[in-house]
N, C-alpha and C. Protein backbone atom coordinates (compact mmCIF):
# COMPACT_ATOMS: atom_id res chain seq x y z
N MET A 1 -1.98 -35.40 1.35
CA MET A 1 -2.33 -34.01 1.48
C MET A 1 -1.36 -33.25 2.37
N ALA A 2 -0.85 -33.91 3.40
CA ALA A 2 0.01 -33.19 4.35
C ALA A 2 1.27 -32.68 3.66
N SER A 3 1.82 -33.50 2.75
CA SER A 3 3.03 -33.04 2.06
C SER A 3 2.72 -31.83 1.19
N ARG A 4 1.55 -31.81 0.59
CA ARG A 4 1.16 -30.66 -0.21
C ARG A 4 0.88 -29.46 0.69
N ARG A 5 0.32 -29.72 1.85
CA ARG A 5 -0.01 -28.63 2.77
C ARG A 5 1.25 -27.93 3.25
N MET A 6 2.32 -28.69 3.45
CA MET A 6 3.56 -28.08 3.92
C MET A 6 4.19 -27.21 2.85
N ALA A 7 3.93 -27.53 1.59
CA ALA A 7 4.53 -26.78 0.50
C ALA A 7 3.91 -25.39 0.37
N VAL A 8 2.67 -25.24 0.81
CA VAL A 8 1.99 -23.95 0.72
C VAL A 8 2.55 -23.01 1.78
N LYS A 9 2.89 -21.80 1.38
CA LYS A 9 3.44 -20.84 2.32
C LYS A 9 2.33 -20.29 3.21
N ALA A 10 2.66 -20.10 4.47
CA ALA A 10 1.70 -19.54 5.41
C ALA A 10 1.58 -18.04 5.16
N ILE A 11 0.39 -17.52 5.37
CA ILE A 11 0.14 -16.10 5.17
C ILE A 11 0.24 -15.41 6.51
N ASP A 12 1.02 -14.35 6.56
CA ASP A 12 1.14 -13.55 7.78
C ASP A 12 0.02 -12.51 7.75
N TRP A 13 -1.12 -12.87 8.33
CA TRP A 13 -2.31 -12.03 8.26
C TRP A 13 -2.14 -10.71 9.01
N VAL A 14 -1.32 -10.72 10.07
CA VAL A 14 -1.12 -9.49 10.83
C VAL A 14 -0.37 -8.46 9.98
N ALA A 15 0.70 -8.91 9.34
CA ALA A 15 1.47 -8.01 8.47
C ALA A 15 0.63 -7.58 7.27
N PHE A 16 -0.18 -8.49 6.76
CA PHE A 16 -1.06 -8.19 5.64
C PHE A 16 -2.08 -7.13 6.06
N ALA A 17 -2.65 -7.28 7.25
CA ALA A 17 -3.67 -6.34 7.73
C ALA A 17 -3.11 -4.94 7.93
N GLU A 18 -1.84 -4.84 8.30
CA GLU A 18 -1.23 -3.52 8.49
C GLU A 18 -1.13 -2.74 7.18
N ARG A 19 -1.07 -3.44 6.07
CA ARG A 19 -0.90 -2.78 4.77
C ARG A 19 -2.23 -2.48 4.08
N VAL A 20 -3.33 -2.93 4.67
CA VAL A 20 -4.63 -2.74 4.05
C VAL A 20 -5.18 -1.37 4.43
N PRO A 21 -5.57 -0.55 3.45
CA PRO A 21 -6.13 0.76 3.77
C PRO A 21 -7.50 0.61 4.44
N PRO A 22 -7.91 1.58 5.22
CA PRO A 22 -9.18 1.48 5.95
C PRO A 22 -10.39 1.27 5.05
N ASN A 23 -10.38 1.85 3.85
CA ASN A 23 -11.55 1.71 2.98
C ASN A 23 -11.66 0.31 2.36
N GLN A 24 -10.61 -0.51 2.49
CA GLN A 24 -10.65 -1.87 1.94
C GLN A 24 -10.66 -2.93 3.04
N ARG A 25 -10.90 -2.51 4.28
CA ARG A 25 -10.86 -3.42 5.42
C ARG A 25 -11.93 -4.51 5.30
N THR A 26 -13.13 -4.18 4.84
CA THR A 26 -14.19 -5.20 4.73
C THR A 26 -13.82 -6.25 3.69
N MET A 27 -13.24 -5.83 2.57
CA MET A 27 -12.80 -6.80 1.56
C MET A 27 -11.72 -7.71 2.12
N PHE A 28 -10.80 -7.13 2.90
CA PHE A 28 -9.75 -7.92 3.53
C PHE A 28 -10.35 -8.95 4.49
N ASN A 29 -11.31 -8.53 5.31
CA ASN A 29 -11.94 -9.46 6.25
C ASN A 29 -12.67 -10.58 5.52
N ASN A 30 -13.32 -10.24 4.41
CA ASN A 30 -13.99 -11.28 3.61
C ASN A 30 -12.97 -12.27 3.04
N LEU A 31 -11.85 -11.76 2.56
CA LEU A 31 -10.80 -12.63 2.03
C LEU A 31 -10.26 -13.56 3.10
N LYS A 32 -10.01 -13.01 4.29
CA LYS A 32 -9.47 -13.83 5.38
C LYS A 32 -10.47 -14.89 5.81
N THR A 33 -11.74 -14.53 5.92
CA THR A 33 -12.77 -15.50 6.29
C THR A 33 -12.86 -16.62 5.27
N ARG A 34 -12.84 -16.25 4.01
CA ARG A 34 -12.93 -17.25 2.94
C ARG A 34 -11.69 -18.15 2.94
N SER A 35 -10.53 -17.55 3.12
CA SER A 35 -9.29 -18.32 3.15
C SER A 35 -9.28 -19.29 4.34
N ASP A 36 -9.74 -18.82 5.50
CA ASP A 36 -9.80 -19.69 6.67
C ASP A 36 -10.76 -20.85 6.47
N ALA A 37 -11.89 -20.58 5.80
CA ALA A 37 -12.87 -21.63 5.53
C ALA A 37 -12.28 -22.69 4.59
N ILE A 38 -11.59 -22.24 3.56
CA ILE A 38 -10.97 -23.19 2.61
C ILE A 38 -9.88 -23.99 3.31
N ALA A 39 -9.08 -23.32 4.13
CA ALA A 39 -8.01 -24.02 4.86
C ALA A 39 -8.60 -25.06 5.81
N ALA A 40 -9.69 -24.73 6.48
CA ALA A 40 -10.33 -25.68 7.39
C ALA A 40 -10.88 -26.88 6.62
N ARG A 41 -11.46 -26.63 5.45
CA ARG A 41 -11.96 -27.74 4.63
C ARG A 41 -10.82 -28.63 4.17
N LEU A 42 -9.69 -28.04 3.79
CA LEU A 42 -8.54 -28.83 3.37
C LEU A 42 -7.98 -29.64 4.52
N GLN A 43 -7.97 -29.07 5.73
CA GLN A 43 -7.45 -29.79 6.89
C GLN A 43 -8.34 -30.98 7.25
N SER A 44 -9.64 -30.87 6.94
CA SER A 44 -10.55 -31.96 7.30
C SER A 44 -10.43 -33.16 6.35
N LEU A 45 -9.82 -32.97 5.19
CA LEU A 45 -9.67 -34.07 4.24
C LEU A 45 -8.55 -35.01 4.71
N PRO A 46 -8.71 -36.32 4.45
CA PRO A 46 -7.66 -37.26 4.84
C PRO A 46 -6.42 -37.12 3.95
N GLU A 47 -5.30 -37.67 4.44
CA GLU A 47 -4.04 -37.63 3.69
C GLU A 47 -4.20 -38.31 2.34
N LYS A 48 -4.79 -39.48 2.34
CA LYS A 48 -5.03 -40.23 1.10
C LYS A 48 -6.53 -40.50 1.01
N PRO A 49 -7.07 -40.51 -0.20
CA PRO A 49 -8.50 -40.81 -0.34
C PRO A 49 -8.78 -42.26 0.07
N PRO A 50 -10.00 -42.56 0.50
CA PRO A 50 -10.32 -43.94 0.89
C PRO A 50 -10.15 -44.90 -0.29
N ALA A 51 -9.69 -46.09 0.01
CA ALA A 51 -9.45 -47.10 -1.04
C ALA A 51 -10.78 -47.62 -1.58
N ILE A 52 -10.77 -47.95 -2.87
CA ILE A 52 -11.98 -48.48 -3.51
C ILE A 52 -12.09 -49.96 -3.19
N ASP A 53 -13.28 -50.38 -2.78
CA ASP A 53 -13.54 -51.79 -2.46
C ASP A 53 -13.92 -52.50 -3.76
N TRP A 54 -12.90 -53.00 -4.48
CA TRP A 54 -13.13 -53.63 -5.78
C TRP A 54 -13.91 -54.93 -5.64
N ASP A 55 -13.72 -55.64 -4.52
CA ASP A 55 -14.45 -56.90 -4.33
C ASP A 55 -15.95 -56.67 -4.26
N PHE A 56 -16.36 -55.58 -3.65
CA PHE A 56 -17.78 -55.26 -3.58
C PHE A 56 -18.36 -55.09 -4.99
N TYR A 57 -17.62 -54.40 -5.85
CA TYR A 57 -18.09 -54.18 -7.21
C TYR A 57 -18.06 -55.46 -8.05
N ARG A 58 -17.09 -56.33 -7.78
CA ARG A 58 -17.05 -57.61 -8.50
C ARG A 58 -18.28 -58.44 -8.20
N LYS A 59 -18.73 -58.39 -6.95
CA LYS A 59 -19.92 -59.14 -6.55
C LYS A 59 -21.19 -58.49 -7.08
N SER A 60 -21.21 -57.15 -7.15
CA SER A 60 -22.43 -56.43 -7.52
C SER A 60 -22.64 -56.37 -9.03
N ILE A 61 -21.58 -56.33 -9.82
CA ILE A 61 -21.72 -56.18 -11.27
C ILE A 61 -21.66 -57.56 -11.92
N ALA A 62 -22.65 -57.79 -12.77
CA ALA A 62 -22.80 -59.13 -13.37
C ALA A 62 -21.84 -59.39 -14.52
N LYS A 63 -21.42 -58.37 -15.22
CA LYS A 63 -20.56 -58.58 -16.38
C LYS A 63 -19.15 -58.94 -15.91
N PRO A 64 -18.66 -60.13 -16.27
CA PRO A 64 -17.33 -60.54 -15.81
C PRO A 64 -16.22 -59.76 -16.52
N GLY A 65 -15.20 -59.43 -15.77
CA GLY A 65 -14.03 -58.74 -16.33
C GLY A 65 -14.15 -57.23 -16.38
N MET A 66 -15.34 -56.71 -16.23
CA MET A 66 -15.53 -55.27 -16.32
C MET A 66 -14.85 -54.55 -15.14
N VAL A 67 -15.04 -55.08 -13.94
CA VAL A 67 -14.45 -54.46 -12.75
C VAL A 67 -12.92 -54.59 -12.81
N ASP A 68 -12.43 -55.75 -13.29
CA ASP A 68 -10.97 -55.93 -13.40
C ASP A 68 -10.37 -54.92 -14.39
N GLU A 69 -11.09 -54.68 -15.48
CA GLU A 69 -10.62 -53.71 -16.46
C GLU A 69 -10.59 -52.29 -15.86
N PHE A 70 -11.66 -51.94 -15.13
CA PHE A 70 -11.70 -50.63 -14.47
C PHE A 70 -10.59 -50.49 -13.43
N GLU A 71 -10.35 -51.57 -12.68
CA GLU A 71 -9.31 -51.54 -11.65
C GLU A 71 -7.94 -51.34 -12.29
N LYS A 72 -7.71 -52.03 -13.40
CA LYS A 72 -6.43 -51.91 -14.09
C LYS A 72 -6.26 -50.49 -14.65
N LYS A 73 -7.30 -49.94 -15.26
CA LYS A 73 -7.24 -48.58 -15.80
C LYS A 73 -7.10 -47.54 -14.68
N PHE A 74 -7.79 -47.78 -13.57
CA PHE A 74 -7.70 -46.85 -12.44
C PHE A 74 -6.29 -46.84 -11.87
N GLY A 75 -5.67 -48.01 -11.80
CA GLY A 75 -4.30 -48.10 -11.29
C GLY A 75 -3.29 -47.45 -12.23
N ALA A 76 -3.60 -47.41 -13.51
CA ALA A 76 -2.69 -46.84 -14.49
C ALA A 76 -2.78 -45.30 -14.55
N VAL A 77 -3.86 -44.74 -14.03
CA VAL A 77 -4.05 -43.29 -14.09
C VAL A 77 -3.11 -42.60 -13.10
N THR A 78 -2.37 -41.64 -13.61
CA THR A 78 -1.54 -40.80 -12.74
C THR A 78 -1.92 -39.35 -13.01
N VAL A 79 -2.16 -38.63 -11.96
CA VAL A 79 -2.51 -37.21 -12.07
C VAL A 79 -1.22 -36.41 -11.93
N PRO A 80 -0.83 -35.70 -12.96
CA PRO A 80 0.43 -34.95 -12.88
C PRO A 80 0.29 -33.75 -11.93
N GLU A 81 1.33 -33.53 -11.18
CA GLU A 81 1.38 -32.38 -10.29
C GLU A 81 1.74 -31.16 -11.15
N PRO A 82 1.12 -30.04 -10.90
CA PRO A 82 1.50 -28.85 -11.68
C PRO A 82 2.94 -28.44 -11.38
N ILE A 83 3.64 -28.02 -12.40
CA ILE A 83 5.03 -27.61 -12.25
C ILE A 83 5.07 -26.13 -11.89
N ASP A 84 5.82 -25.81 -10.87
CA ASP A 84 5.94 -24.43 -10.43
C ASP A 84 6.94 -23.70 -11.32
N THR A 85 6.41 -22.82 -12.17
CA THR A 85 7.27 -22.07 -13.08
C THR A 85 7.37 -20.59 -12.69
N GLN A 86 6.57 -20.16 -11.75
CA GLN A 86 6.49 -18.74 -11.44
C GLN A 86 7.30 -18.32 -10.21
N THR A 87 7.59 -19.25 -9.30
CA THR A 87 8.27 -18.88 -8.06
C THR A 87 9.64 -18.27 -8.34
N ALA A 88 10.38 -18.83 -9.28
CA ALA A 88 11.70 -18.30 -9.60
C ALA A 88 11.59 -16.88 -10.15
N LYS A 89 10.59 -16.63 -10.99
CA LYS A 89 10.40 -15.29 -11.55
C LYS A 89 10.02 -14.30 -10.44
N ILE A 90 9.14 -14.75 -9.55
CA ILE A 90 8.71 -13.88 -8.45
C ILE A 90 9.88 -13.57 -7.53
N ASP A 91 10.69 -14.58 -7.23
CA ASP A 91 11.87 -14.36 -6.38
C ASP A 91 12.84 -13.39 -7.03
N ALA A 92 13.02 -13.51 -8.35
CA ALA A 92 13.91 -12.59 -9.06
C ALA A 92 13.36 -11.17 -9.00
N GLN A 93 12.05 -11.03 -9.19
CA GLN A 93 11.43 -9.71 -9.10
C GLN A 93 11.56 -9.15 -7.68
N GLU A 94 11.42 -10.00 -6.69
CA GLU A 94 11.54 -9.56 -5.30
C GLU A 94 12.96 -9.07 -5.02
N GLN A 95 13.96 -9.80 -5.50
CA GLN A 95 15.34 -9.38 -5.30
C GLN A 95 15.62 -8.06 -6.01
N GLU A 96 15.11 -7.92 -7.23
CA GLU A 96 15.30 -6.68 -7.97
C GLU A 96 14.62 -5.52 -7.26
N ALA A 97 13.41 -5.76 -6.75
CA ALA A 97 12.69 -4.71 -6.03
C ALA A 97 13.43 -4.34 -4.74
N SER A 98 14.01 -5.33 -4.08
CA SER A 98 14.78 -5.05 -2.86
C SER A 98 16.00 -4.20 -3.18
N LYS A 99 16.70 -4.53 -4.29
CA LYS A 99 17.86 -3.72 -4.69
C LYS A 99 17.44 -2.30 -5.03
N ASN A 100 16.32 -2.17 -5.77
CA ASN A 100 15.83 -0.84 -6.13
C ASN A 100 15.45 -0.05 -4.89
N ALA A 101 14.80 -0.72 -3.94
CA ALA A 101 14.40 -0.04 -2.71
C ALA A 101 15.62 0.40 -1.91
N ALA A 102 16.64 -0.47 -1.83
CA ALA A 102 17.85 -0.11 -1.10
C ALA A 102 18.56 1.07 -1.77
N ALA A 103 18.61 1.06 -3.11
CA ALA A 103 19.23 2.18 -3.84
C ALA A 103 18.43 3.46 -3.61
N TYR A 104 17.11 3.36 -3.60
CA TYR A 104 16.27 4.53 -3.37
C TYR A 104 16.48 5.07 -1.96
N VAL A 105 16.60 4.19 -0.99
CA VAL A 105 16.83 4.62 0.39
C VAL A 105 18.17 5.35 0.50
N GLU A 106 19.19 4.80 -0.14
CA GLU A 106 20.51 5.46 -0.10
C GLU A 106 20.46 6.83 -0.78
N ALA A 107 19.81 6.90 -1.93
CA ALA A 107 19.68 8.19 -2.61
C ALA A 107 18.86 9.16 -1.77
N SER A 108 17.85 8.66 -1.09
CA SER A 108 17.04 9.51 -0.22
C SER A 108 17.85 10.04 0.95
N LYS A 109 18.73 9.22 1.50
CA LYS A 109 19.57 9.68 2.60
C LYS A 109 20.49 10.82 2.14
N ILE A 110 21.00 10.70 0.92
CA ILE A 110 21.86 11.76 0.37
C ILE A 110 21.05 13.04 0.18
N ARG A 111 19.82 12.89 -0.38
CA ARG A 111 18.96 14.06 -0.57
C ARG A 111 18.60 14.70 0.77
N VAL A 112 18.31 13.87 1.77
CA VAL A 112 17.96 14.40 3.09
C VAL A 112 19.14 15.19 3.66
N ALA A 113 20.35 14.67 3.50
CA ALA A 113 21.53 15.39 3.99
C ALA A 113 21.66 16.74 3.28
N ASP A 114 21.45 16.76 1.96
CA ASP A 114 21.51 18.02 1.22
C ASP A 114 20.43 18.99 1.69
N TYR A 115 19.22 18.48 1.91
CA TYR A 115 18.13 19.34 2.36
C TYR A 115 18.39 19.86 3.77
N GLU A 116 19.02 19.06 4.60
CA GLU A 116 19.33 19.52 5.96
C GLU A 116 20.37 20.64 5.92
N LYS A 117 21.35 20.52 5.01
CA LYS A 117 22.34 21.60 4.84
C LYS A 117 21.64 22.88 4.39
N GLU A 118 20.73 22.74 3.42
CA GLU A 118 20.00 23.89 2.91
C GLU A 118 19.12 24.50 4.00
N LEU A 119 18.49 23.66 4.80
CA LEU A 119 17.66 24.13 5.90
C LEU A 119 18.50 24.88 6.93
N GLU A 120 19.68 24.36 7.20
CA GLU A 120 20.59 25.02 8.14
C GLU A 120 20.99 26.40 7.60
N LYS A 121 21.21 26.47 6.29
CA LYS A 121 21.53 27.75 5.66
C LYS A 121 20.39 28.75 5.88
N TYR A 122 19.15 28.29 5.69
CA TYR A 122 18.00 29.17 5.87
C TYR A 122 17.81 29.57 7.33
N LYS A 123 18.12 28.66 8.25
CA LYS A 123 17.98 28.97 9.67
C LYS A 123 18.99 30.04 10.11
N ASN A 124 20.20 29.98 9.51
CA ASN A 124 21.26 30.92 9.88
C ASN A 124 21.20 32.23 9.10
N MET A 125 20.26 32.34 8.19
CA MET A 125 20.15 33.50 7.33
C MET A 125 19.53 34.69 8.10
N ILE A 126 19.86 35.87 7.67
CA ILE A 126 19.25 37.08 8.23
C ILE A 126 17.76 37.05 7.87
N PRO A 127 16.88 37.44 8.75
CA PRO A 127 15.45 37.48 8.40
C PRO A 127 15.21 38.41 7.20
N PHE A 128 14.23 38.06 6.38
CA PHE A 128 13.97 38.81 5.15
C PHE A 128 13.64 40.28 5.43
N ASP A 129 12.93 40.54 6.50
CA ASP A 129 12.55 41.93 6.76
C ASP A 129 13.74 42.79 7.18
N GLN A 130 14.89 42.17 7.49
CA GLN A 130 16.08 42.92 7.88
C GLN A 130 17.14 42.94 6.78
N MET A 131 16.89 42.23 5.65
CA MET A 131 17.86 42.15 4.55
C MET A 131 17.82 43.38 3.69
N THR A 132 18.99 43.71 3.15
CA THR A 132 19.06 44.73 2.10
C THR A 132 18.94 44.02 0.77
N VAL A 133 18.76 44.75 -0.30
CA VAL A 133 18.65 44.15 -1.63
C VAL A 133 19.94 43.42 -1.99
N LYS A 134 21.05 44.00 -1.60
CA LYS A 134 22.34 43.38 -1.89
C LYS A 134 22.45 42.03 -1.17
N GLU A 135 22.07 41.99 0.10
CA GLU A 135 22.12 40.73 0.86
C GLU A 135 21.15 39.70 0.29
N LEU A 136 19.99 40.15 -0.17
CA LEU A 136 19.01 39.25 -0.80
C LEU A 136 19.60 38.65 -2.07
N ASN A 137 20.25 39.49 -2.88
CA ASN A 137 20.85 38.99 -4.12
C ASN A 137 22.00 38.04 -3.85
N GLU A 138 22.74 38.24 -2.77
CA GLU A 138 23.82 37.31 -2.41
C GLU A 138 23.25 35.98 -1.91
N ALA A 139 22.19 36.05 -1.13
CA ALA A 139 21.58 34.82 -0.60
C ALA A 139 20.83 34.06 -1.69
N PHE A 140 20.16 34.78 -2.58
CA PHE A 140 19.38 34.17 -3.66
C PHE A 140 19.79 34.80 -4.98
N PRO A 141 20.82 34.26 -5.64
CA PRO A 141 21.34 34.88 -6.88
C PRO A 141 20.29 34.96 -7.99
N GLU A 142 19.32 34.10 -7.99
CA GLU A 142 18.32 34.12 -9.06
C GLU A 142 17.42 35.36 -8.98
N THR A 143 17.44 36.08 -7.84
CA THR A 143 16.62 37.28 -7.72
C THR A 143 17.31 38.53 -8.25
N LYS A 144 18.60 38.41 -8.55
CA LYS A 144 19.35 39.58 -9.02
C LYS A 144 18.89 39.96 -10.42
N LEU A 145 18.63 41.22 -10.62
CA LEU A 145 18.19 41.71 -11.91
C LEU A 145 19.41 42.07 -12.76
N ASP A 146 19.38 41.68 -14.01
CA ASP A 146 20.50 41.95 -14.92
C ASP A 146 20.18 43.22 -15.71
N LYS A 147 20.57 44.36 -15.15
CA LYS A 147 20.24 45.64 -15.77
C LYS A 147 21.11 45.94 -16.98
N GLU A 148 22.28 45.31 -17.07
CA GLU A 148 23.15 45.55 -18.23
C GLU A 148 22.63 44.79 -19.45
N LYS A 149 22.24 43.54 -19.27
CA LYS A 149 21.77 42.74 -20.39
C LYS A 149 20.35 43.15 -20.77
N TYR A 150 19.50 43.45 -19.78
CA TYR A 150 18.12 43.87 -20.01
C TYR A 150 17.93 45.24 -19.35
N PRO A 151 18.25 46.31 -20.07
CA PRO A 151 18.25 47.64 -19.44
C PRO A 151 16.86 48.17 -19.09
N TYR A 152 15.82 47.64 -19.69
CA TYR A 152 14.47 48.14 -19.44
C TYR A 152 13.74 47.24 -18.45
N TRP A 153 12.93 47.91 -17.66
CA TRP A 153 12.15 47.19 -16.65
C TRP A 153 11.29 46.16 -17.34
N PRO A 154 11.16 44.94 -16.89
CA PRO A 154 11.45 44.33 -15.60
C PRO A 154 12.82 43.69 -15.52
N HIS A 155 13.74 44.01 -16.41
CA HIS A 155 15.13 43.56 -16.39
C HIS A 155 15.27 42.02 -16.44
N LYS A 156 14.30 41.41 -17.09
CA LYS A 156 14.31 39.95 -17.32
C LYS A 156 13.74 39.69 -18.68
N PRO A 157 14.08 38.56 -19.30
CA PRO A 157 13.45 38.25 -20.58
C PRO A 157 11.95 38.01 -20.39
N ALA A 158 11.18 38.29 -21.40
CA ALA A 158 9.73 38.15 -21.32
C ALA A 158 9.31 36.70 -21.07
N ALA A 159 10.12 35.75 -21.53
CA ALA A 159 9.78 34.34 -21.33
C ALA A 159 9.84 33.93 -19.87
N GLU A 160 10.60 34.63 -19.05
CA GLU A 160 10.73 34.29 -17.64
C GLU A 160 9.70 34.96 -16.76
N LEU A 161 8.88 35.80 -17.33
CA LEU A 161 7.89 36.52 -16.54
C LEU A 161 6.70 35.67 -16.21
């Protein structure tokens, strides 16, 4: 059992608890309690199961050869260990997610820099109540009315209204 126990990854409950939303805290506590109970039960089991006392059964069972046959069949039984086929896929997904997250962070840094430039532009701008229409149109070109292309009020296409 100990070799199997070492293969199981430990759960970082503190880091896990930080990610749990407040409305799911009771479910998280139930999961942790149940996990701790199962882990304690596993720790209480011996490394190897107790050996079968075949001599006791030979003396107790009257039919000759039956216990020897069972012993031979029991010795021939091998329980296959499950093959781990998912860890490699999960690791690949984790690496891909890490790359995506790093790319997103880099793109976010670029966007933040652009937004900071735009914010600086707005901070250095003349206050709106002191602007003339010409200054407003220079600062925000989309507010300029095209009186030549659309000579009638509201000087914009109807689809943009």
